[in-house]
């Protein structure tokens, strides 16, 4: 199985985290829009009570999982076409 989408999504998550950590996202707009763990943290608690490193790690991991799930769907579709 090829993991191109997993790799691309992981790079996207890493770029999102680096963009936020660099200071170019001063109000955390992009992080709040595109980070799935931040959505859940905001539902249950204040974002300032959670470690930034944990949020960054969970953001990269969640984008990697999203990419992996997309790769699984692509592989299943390819297998179904070959039958």
PDB file of N, CA and C in Angstrom:
ATOM      1  N   UNK A   1       0.844  -1.172   0.000  1.00  0.00           N
ATOM      2  CA  UNK A   1       0.000   0.000   0.000  1.00  0.00           C
ATOM      3  C   UNK A   1       0.897   1.245   0.000  1.00  0.00           C
ATOM      4  N   UNK A   2       0.505   2.212  -0.778  1.00  0.00           N
ATOM      5  CA  UNK A   2       1.237   3.472  -0.841  1.00  0.00           C
ATOM      6  C   UNK A   2       0.703   4.417   0.224  1.00  0.00           C
ATOM      7  N   UNK A   3       1.581   5.188   0.799  1.00  0.00           N
ATOM      8  CA  UNK A   3       1.191   6.109   1.872  1.00  0.00           C
ATOM      9  C   UNK A   3       1.445   7.566   1.483  1.00  0.00           C
ATOM     10  N   UNK A   4       1.092   7.923   0.257  1.00  0.00           N
ATOM     11  CA  UNK A   4       1.332   9.282  -0.207  1.00  0.00           C
ATOM     12  C   UNK A   4       0.459  10.295   0.533  1.00  0.00           C
ATOM     13  N   UNK A   5      -0.788   9.978   0.747  1.00  0.00           N
ATOM     14  CA  UNK A   5      -1.693  10.923   1.410  1.00  0.00           C
ATOM     15  C   UNK A   5      -1.321  11.046   2.891  1.00  0.00           C
ATOM     16  N   UNK A   6      -0.918   9.953   3.501  1.00  0.00           N
ATOM     17  CA  UNK A   6      -0.471  10.007   4.895  1.00  0.00           C
ATOM     18  C   UNK A   6       0.722  10.935   5.027  1.00  0.00           C
ATOM     19  N   UNK A   7       1.659  10.796   4.120  1.00  0.00           N
ATOM     20  CA  UNK A   7       2.840  11.647   4.144  1.00  0.00           C
ATOM     21  C   UNK A   7       2.473  13.112   3.917  1.00  0.00           C
ATOM     22  N   UNK A   8       1.610  13.371   2.948  1.00  0.00           N
ATOM     23  CA  UNK A   8       1.210  14.750   2.642  1.00  0.00           C
ATOM     24  C   UNK A   8       0.440  15.369   3.810  1.00  0.00           C
ATOM     25  N   UNK A   9      -0.464  14.619   4.409  1.00  0.00           N
ATOM     26  CA  UNK A   9      -1.241  15.153   5.532  1.00  0.00           C
ATOM     27  C   UNK A   9      -0.358  15.376   6.757  1.00  0.00           C
ATOM     28  N   UNK A  10       0.598  14.499   6.984  1.00  0.00           N
ATOM     29  CA  UNK A  10       1.527  14.687   8.092  1.00  0.00           C
ATOM     30  C   UNK A  10       2.364  15.945   7.878  1.00  0.00           C
ATOM     31  N   UNK A  11       2.816  16.153   6.655  1.00  0.00           N
ATOM     32  CA  UNK A  11       3.554  17.377   6.351  1.00  0.00           C
ATOM     33  C   UNK A  11       2.680  18.608   6.525  1.00  0.00           C
ATOM     34  N   UNK A  12       1.403  18.504   6.152  1.00  0.00           N
ATOM     35  CA  UNK A  12       0.490  19.620   6.344  1.00  0.00           C
ATOM     36  C   UNK A  12       0.334  19.936   7.831  1.00  0.00           C
ATOM     37  N   UNK A  13       0.146  18.908   8.655  1.00  0.00           N
ATOM     38  CA  UNK A  13       0.037  19.111  10.103  1.00  0.00           C
ATOM     39  C   UNK A  13       1.293  19.718  10.690  1.00  0.00           C
ATOM     40  N   UNK A  14       2.445  19.260  10.224  1.00  0.00           N
ATOM     41  CA  UNK A  14       3.710  19.808  10.693  1.00  0.00           C
ATOM     42  C   UNK A  14       3.863  21.265  10.262  1.00  0.00           C
ATOM     43  N   UNK A  15       3.481  21.576   9.031  1.00  0.00           N
ATOM     44  CA  UNK A  15       3.550  22.959   8.554  1.00  0.00           C
ATOM     45  C   UNK A  15       2.601  23.857   9.352  1.00  0.00           C
ATOM     46  N   UNK A  16       1.419  23.340   9.664  1.00  0.00           N
ATOM     47  CA  UNK A  16       0.462  24.104  10.466  1.00  0.00           C
ATOM     48  C   UNK A  16       1.031  24.422  11.844  1.00  0.00           C
ATOM     49  N   UNK A  17       1.643  23.445  12.464  1.00  0.00           N
ATOM     50  CA  UNK A  17       2.234  23.629  13.790  1.00  0.00           C
ATOM     51  C   UNK A  17       3.409  24.599  13.730  1.00  0.00           C
ATOM     52  N   UNK A  18       4.265  24.449  12.735  1.00  0.00           N
ATOM     53  CA  UNK A  18       5.413  25.347  12.617  1.00  0.00           C
ATOM     54  C   UNK A  18       4.980  26.776  12.307  1.00  0.00           C
ATOM     55  N   UNK A  19       3.939  26.914  11.503  1.00  0.00           N
ATOM     56  CA  UNK A  19       3.404  28.241  11.196  1.00  0.00           C
ATOM     57  C   UNK A  19       2.879  28.911  12.457  1.00  0.00           C
ATOM     58  N   UNK A  20       2.179  28.152  13.278  1.00  0.00           N
ATOM     59  CA  UNK A  20       1.647  28.709  14.514  1.00  0.00           C
ATOM     60  C   UNK A  20       2.758  29.020  15.516  1.00  0.00           C
ATOM     61  N   UNK A  21       3.712  28.119  15.630  1.00  0.00           N
ATOM     62  CA  UNK A  21       4.790  28.305  16.603  1.00  0.00           C
ATOM     63  C   UNK A  21       5.741  29.429  16.198  1.00  0.00           C
ATOM     64  N   UNK A  22       5.810  29.727  14.906  1.00  0.00           N
ATOM     65  CA  UNK A  22       6.729  30.768  14.443  1.00  0.00           C
ATOM     66  C   UNK A  22       6.241  32.168  14.786  1.00  0.00           C
ATOM     67  N   UNK A  23       4.966  32.312  15.077  1.00  0.00           N
ATOM     68  CA  UNK A  23       4.439  33.616  15.424  1.00  0.00           C
ATOM     69  C   UNK A  23       3.723  34.323  14.293  1.00  0.00           C
ATOM     70  N   UNK A  24       3.678  33.711  13.126  1.00  0.00           N
ATOM     71  CA  UNK A  24       2.980  34.323  11.996  1.00  0.00           C
ATOM     72  C   UNK A  24       1.464  34.190  12.109  1.00  0.00           C
ATOM     73  N   UNK A  25       1.019  33.397  13.048  1.00  0.00           N
ATOM     74  CA  UNK A  25      -0.413  33.225  13.313  1.00  0.00           C
ATOM     75  C   UNK A  25      -0.689  33.774  14.714  1.00  0.00           C
ATOM     76  N   UNK A  26      -0.673  35.099  14.876  1.00  0.00           N
ATOM     77  CA  UNK A  26      -0.689  35.670  16.224  1.00  0.00           C
ATOM     78  C   UNK A  26      -1.973  35.412  17.004  1.00  0.00           C
ATOM     79  N   UNK A  27      -3.071  35.252  16.346  1.00  0.00           N
ATOM     80  CA  UNK A  27      -4.333  35.018  17.047  1.00  0.00           C
ATOM     81  C   UNK A  27      -4.781  33.559  16.953  1.00  0.00           C
ATOM     82  N   UNK A  28      -3.913  32.681  16.501  1.00  0.00           N
ATOM     83  CA  UNK A  28      -4.149  31.243  16.398  1.00  0.00           C
ATOM     84  C   UNK A  28      -5.340  30.895  15.497  1.00  0.00           C
ATOM     85  N   UNK A  29      -5.617  31.723  14.533  1.00  0.00           N
ATOM     86  CA  UNK A  29      -6.774  31.505  13.670  1.00  0.00           C
ATOM     87  C   UNK A  29      -6.637  30.210  12.877  1.00  0.00           C
ATOM     88  N   UNK A  30      -5.495  30.015  12.230  1.00  0.00           N
ATOM     89  CA  UNK A  30      -5.316  28.824  11.409  1.00  0.00           C
ATOM     90  C   UNK A  30      -5.274  27.563  12.262  1.00  0.00           C
ATOM     91  N   UNK A  31      -4.646  27.640  13.412  1.00  0.00           N
ATOM     92  CA  UNK A  31      -4.599  26.476  14.301  1.00  0.00           C
ATOM     93  C   UNK A  31      -6.005  26.108  14.768  1.00  0.00           C
ATOM     94  N   UNK A  32      -6.804  27.089  15.135  1.00  0.00           N
ATOM     95  CA  UNK A  32      -8.161  26.813  15.604  1.00  0.00           C
ATOM     96  C   UNK A  32      -9.045  26.284  14.484  1.00  0.00           C
ATOM     97  N   UNK A  33      -8.824  26.723  13.252  1.00  0.00           N
ATOM     98  CA  UNK A  33      -9.641  26.256  12.129  1.00  0.00           C
ATOM     99  C   UNK A  33      -9.265  24.851  11.690  1.00  0.00           C
ATOM    100  N   UNK A  34      -7.989  24.507  11.717  1.00  0.00           N
ATOM    101  CA  UNK A  34      -7.519  23.298  11.051  1.00  0.00           C
ATOM    102  C   UNK A  34      -7.005  22.205  11.977  1.00  0.00           C
ATOM    103  N   UNK A  35      -7.043  22.411  13.273  1.00  0.00           N
ATOM    104  CA  UNK A  35      -6.566  21.397  14.205  1.00  0.00           C
ATOM    105  C   UNK A  35      -7.755  20.710  14.871  1.00  0.00           C
ATOM    106  N   UNK A  36      -7.918  19.448  14.587  1.00  0.00           N
ATOM    107  CA  UNK A  36      -9.030  18.681  15.153  1.00  0.00           C
ATOM    108  C   UNK A  36      -8.926  18.579  16.680  1.00  0.00           C
ATOM    109  N   UNK A  37      -7.748  18.335  17.266  1.00  0.00           N
ATOM    110  CA  UNK A  37      -7.681  18.292  18.738  1.00  0.00           C
ATOM    111  C   UNK A  37      -8.088  19.603  19.404  1.00  0.00           C
ATOM    112  N   UNK A  38      -7.803  20.727  18.774  1.00  0.00           N
ATOM    113  CA  UNK A  38      -8.192  22.010  19.358  1.00  0.00           C
ATOM    114  C   UNK A  38      -9.710  22.129  19.404  1.00  0.00           C
ATOM    115  N   UNK A  39     -10.385  21.590  18.411  1.00  0.00           N
ATOM    116  CA  UNK A  39     -11.863  21.623  18.415  1.00  0.00           C
ATOM    117  C   UNK A  39     -12.400  20.943  19.664  1.00  0.00           C
ATOM    118  N   UNK A  40     -11.850  19.773  19.983  1.00  0.00           N
ATOM    119  CA  UNK A  40     -12.340  19.028  21.136  1.00  0.00           C
ATOM    120  C   UNK A  40     -11.911  19.668  22.453  1.00  0.00           C
ATOM    121  N   UNK A  41     -10.717  20.221  22.493  1.00  0.00           N
ATOM    122  CA  UNK A  41     -10.270  20.910  23.707  1.00  0.00           C
ATOM    123  C   UNK A  41     -11.168  22.103  23.987  1.00  0.00           C
ATOM    124  N   UNK A  42     -11.517  22.848  22.954  1.00  0.00           N
ATOM    125  CA  UNK A  42     -12.383  24.009  23.120  1.00  0.00           C
ATOM    126  C   UNK A  42     -13.782  23.623  23.591  1.00  0.00           C
ATOM    127  N   UNK A  43     -14.224  22.429  23.250  1.00  0.00           N
ATOM    128  CA  UNK A  43     -15.540  21.987  23.701  1.00  0.00           C
ATOM    129  C   UNK A  43     -15.583  21.723  25.203  1.00  0.00           C
ATOM    130  N   UNK A  44     -14.495  21.192  25.740  1.00  0.00           N
ATOM    131  CA  UNK A  44     -14.516  20.704  27.108  1.00  0.00           C
ATOM    132  C   UNK A  44     -13.768  21.555  28.129  1.00  0.00           C
ATOM    133  N   UNK A  45     -12.811  22.355  27.678  1.00  0.00           N
ATOM    134  CA  UNK A  45     -12.030  23.148  28.624  1.00  0.00           C
ATOM    135  C   UNK A  45     -11.458  24.374  27.917  1.00  0.00           C
ATOM    136  N   UNK A  46     -10.779  25.186  28.678  1.00  0.00           N
ATOM    137  CA  UNK A  46     -10.124  26.355  28.129  1.00  0.00           C
ATOM    138  C   UNK A  46      -8.820  25.939  27.454  1.00  0.00           C
ATOM    139  N   UNK A  47      -8.560  26.476  26.281  1.00  0.00           N
ATOM    140  CA  UNK A  47      -7.367  26.101  25.522  1.00  0.00           C
ATOM    141  C   UNK A  47      -6.087  26.471  26.255  1.00  0.00           C
ATOM    142  N   UNK A  48      -6.143  27.458  27.112  1.00  0.00           N
ATOM    143  CA  UNK A  48      -4.949  27.903  27.822  1.00  0.00           C
ATOM    144  C   UNK A  48      -4.542  26.957  28.948  1.00  0.00           C
ATOM    145  N   UNK A  49      -5.387  26.016  29.289  1.00  0.00           N
ATOM    146  CA  UNK A  49      -5.061  25.041  30.344  1.00  0.00           C
ATOM    147  C   UNK A  49      -4.323  23.823  29.797  1.00  0.00           C
ATOM    148  N   UNK A  50      -4.220  23.723  28.486  1.00  0.00           N
ATOM    149  CA  UNK A  50      -3.585  22.572  27.854  1.00  0.00           C
ATOM    150  C   UNK A  50      -2.218  22.996  27.324  1.00  0.00           C
ATOM    151  N   UNK A  51      -1.259  22.119  27.450  1.00  0.00           N
ATOM    152  CA  UNK A  51       0.099  22.403  27.000  1.00  0.00           C
ATOM    153  C   UNK A  51       0.134  22.595  25.480  1.00  0.00           C
ATOM    154  N   UNK A  52       0.861  23.603  25.051  1.00  0.00           N
ATOM    155  CA  UNK A  52       0.994  23.863  23.615  1.00  0.00           C
ATOM    156  C   UNK A  52       1.706  22.713  22.913  1.00  0.00           C
ATOM    157  N   UNK A  53       2.687  22.122  23.579  1.00  0.00           N
ATOM    158  CA  UNK A  53       3.411  20.994  22.984  1.00  0.00           C
ATOM    159  C   UNK A  53       2.467  19.815  22.764  1.00  0.00           C
ATOM    160  N   UNK A  54       1.581  19.568  23.707  1.00  0.00           N
ATOM    161  CA  UNK A  54       0.606  18.483  23.554  1.00  0.00           C
ATOM    162  C   UNK A  54      -0.347  18.769  22.394  1.00  0.00           C
ATOM    163  N   UNK A  55      -0.801  20.001  22.288  1.00  0.00           N
ATOM    164  CA  UNK A  55      -1.687  20.364  21.178  1.00  0.00           C
ATOM    165  C   UNK A  55      -0.964  20.198  19.853  1.00  0.00           C
ATOM    166  N   UNK A  56       0.278  20.632  19.783  1.00  0.00           N
ATOM    167  CA  UNK A  56       1.046  20.504  18.546  1.00  0.00           C
ATOM    168  C   UNK A  56       1.246  19.040  18.173  1.00  0.00           C
ATOM    169  N   UNK A  57       1.606  18.212  19.137  1.00  0.00           N
ATOM    170  CA  UNK A  57       1.822  16.786  18.861  1.00  0.00           C
ATOM    171  C   UNK A  57       0.520  16.111  18.421  1.00  0.00           C
ATOM    172  N   UNK A  58      -0.572  16.427  19.094  1.00  0.00           N
ATOM    173  CA  UNK A  58      -1.859  15.843  18.720  1.00  0.00           C
ATOM    174  C   UNK A  58      -2.333  16.333  17.358  1.00  0.00           C
ATOM    175  N   UNK A  59      -1.996  17.550  17.000  1.00  0.00           N
ATOM    176  CA  UNK A  59      -2.367  18.074  15.688  1.00  0.00           C
ATOM    177  C   UNK A  59      -1.653  17.313  14.582  1.00  0.00           C
ATOM    178  N   UNK A  60      -0.358  17.123  14.722  1.00  0.00           N
ATOM    179  CA  UNK A  60       0.407  16.378  13.717  1.00  0.00           C
ATOM    180  C   UNK A  60      -0.081  14.935  13.658  1.00  0.00           C
ATOM    181  N   UNK A  61      -0.319  14.328  14.818  1.00  0.00           N
ATOM    182  CA  UNK A  61      -0.790  12.941  14.851  1.00  0.00           C
ATOM    183  C   UNK A  61      -2.182  12.805  14.234  1.00  0.00           C
ATOM    184  N   UNK A  62      -3.058  13.761  14.493  1.00  0.00           N
ATOM    185  CA  UNK A  62      -4.410  13.655  13.934  1.00  0.00           C
ATOM    186  C   UNK A  62      -4.388  13.804  12.415  1.00  0.00           C
ATOM    187  N   UNK A  63      -3.540  14.686  11.893  1.00  0.00           N
ATOM    188  CA  UNK A  63      -3.442  14.805  10.441  1.00  0.00           C
ATOM    189  C   UNK A  63      -2.826  13.552   9.835  1.00  0.00           C
ATOM    190  N   UNK A  64      -1.904  12.903  10.538  1.00  0.00           N
ATOM    191  CA  UNK A  64      -1.342  11.646  10.047  1.00  0.00           C
ATOM    192  C   UNK A  64      -2.414  10.552  10.002  1.00  0.00           C
ATOM    193  N   UNK A  65      -3.265  10.505  11.010  1.00  0.00           N
ATOM    194  CA  UNK A  65      -4.355   9.516  11.038  1.00  0.00           C
ATOM    195  C   UNK A  65      -5.365   9.796   9.922  1.00  0.00           C
ATOM    196  N   UNK A  66      -5.680  11.054   9.699  1.00  0.00           N
ATOM    197  CA  UNK A  66      -6.599  11.409   8.607  1.00  0.00           C
ATOM    198  C   UNK A  66      -6.019  10.964   7.272  1.00  0.00           C
ATOM    199  N   UNK A  67      -4.737  11.202   7.068  1.00  0.00           N
ATOM    200  CA  UNK A  67      -4.086  10.760   5.836  1.00  0.00           C
ATOM    201  C   UNK A  67      -4.064   9.254   5.694  1.00  0.00           C
ATOM    202  N   UNK A  68      -3.808   8.554   6.798  1.00  0.00           N
ATOM    203  CA  UNK A  68      -3.800   7.091   6.766  1.00  0.00           C
ATOM    204  C   UNK A  68      -5.178   6.540   6.411  1.00  0.00           C
ATOM    205  N   UNK A  69      -6.211   7.123   6.998  1.00  0.00           N
ATOM    206  CA  UNK A  69      -7.568   6.672   6.674  1.00  0.00           C
ATOM    207  C   UNK A  69      -7.898   6.919   5.204  1.00  0.00           C
ATOM    208  N   UNK A  70      -7.450   8.040   4.675  1.00  0.00           N
ATOM    209  CA  UNK A  70      -7.649   8.309   3.240  1.00  0.00           C
ATOM    210  C   UNK A  70      -6.895   7.298   2.389  1.00  0.00           C
ATOM    211  N   UNK A  71      -5.675   6.954   2.780  1.00  0.00           N
ATOM    212  CA  UNK A  71      -4.915   5.939   2.047  1.00  0.00           C
ATOM    213  C   UNK A  71      -5.601   4.582   2.095  1.00  0.00           C
ATOM    214  N   UNK A  72      -6.201   4.243   3.220  1.00  0.00           N
ATOM    215  CA  UNK A  72      -6.928   2.970   3.316  1.00  0.00           C
ATOM    216  C   UNK A  72      -8.128   2.942   2.372  1.00  0.00           C
ATOM    217  N   UNK A  73      -8.849   4.061   2.291  1.00  0.00           N
ATOM    218  CA  UNK A  73      -9.999   4.140   1.386  1.00  0.00           C
ATOM    219  C   UNK A  73      -9.539   4.038  -0.062  1.00  0.00           C
ATOM    220  N   UNK A  74      -8.434   4.691  -0.390  1.00  0.00           N
ATOM    221  CA  UNK A  74      -7.902   4.622  -1.751  1.00  0.00           C
ATOM    222  C   UNK A  74      -7.475   3.202  -2.084  1.00  0.00           C
ATOM    223  N   UNK A  75      -6.807   2.523  -1.152  1.00  0.00           N
ATOM    224  CA  UNK A  75      -6.365   1.144  -1.391  1.00  0.00           C
ATOM    225  C   UNK A  75      -7.555   0.208  -1.549  1.00  0.00           C
ATOM    226  N   UNK A  76      -8.601   0.410  -0.742  1.00  0.00           N
ATOM    227  CA  UNK A  76      -9.794  -0.427  -0.868  1.00  0.00           C
ATOM    228  C   UNK A  76     -10.481  -0.198  -2.207  1.00  0.00           C
ATOM    229  N   UNK A  77     -10.517   1.043  -2.652  1.00  0.00           N
ATOM    230  CA  UNK A  77     -11.125   1.360  -3.949  1.00  0.00           C
ATOM    231  C   UNK A  77     -10.325   0.754  -5.088  1.00  0.00           C
ATOM    232  N   UNK A  78      -9.016   0.799  -5.001  1.00  0.00           N
ATOM    233  CA  UNK A  78      -8.175   0.190  -6.038  1.00  0.00           C
ATOM    234  C   UNK A  78      -8.363  -1.318  -6.084  1.00  0.00           C
ATOM    235  N   UNK A  79      -8.454  -1.930  -4.912  1.00  0.00           N
ATOM    236  CA  UNK A  79      -8.661  -3.377  -4.862  1.00  0.00           C
ATOM    237  C   UNK A  79     -10.015  -3.757  -5.439  1.00  0.00           C
ATOM    238  N   UNK A  80     -11.019  -2.956  -5.198  1.00  0.00           N
ATOM    239  CA  UNK A  80     -12.356  -3.250  -5.730  1.00  0.00           C
ATOM    240  C   UNK A  80     -12.384  -3.090  -7.249  1.00  0.00           C
ATOM    241  N   UNK A  81     -11.634  -2.165  -7.775  1.00  0.00           N
ATOM    242  CA  UNK A  81     -11.595  -1.973  -9.225  1.00  0.00           C
ATOM    243  C   UNK A  81     -10.887  -3.110  -9.931  1.00  0.00           C
ATOM    244  N   UNK A  82      -9.904  -3.724  -9.273  1.00  0.00           N
ATOM    245  CA  UNK A  82      -9.119  -4.800  -9.900  1.00  0.00           C
ATOM    246  C   UNK A  82      -9.883  -6.112  -9.957  1.00  0.00           C
ATOM    247  N   UNK A  83     -10.950  -6.233  -9.187  1.00  0.00           N
ATOM    248  CA  UNK A  83     -11.726  -7.489  -9.183  1.00  0.00           C
ATOM    249  C   UNK A  83     -12.653  -7.578 -10.347  1.00  0.00           C
TER     250      UNK A  83
END
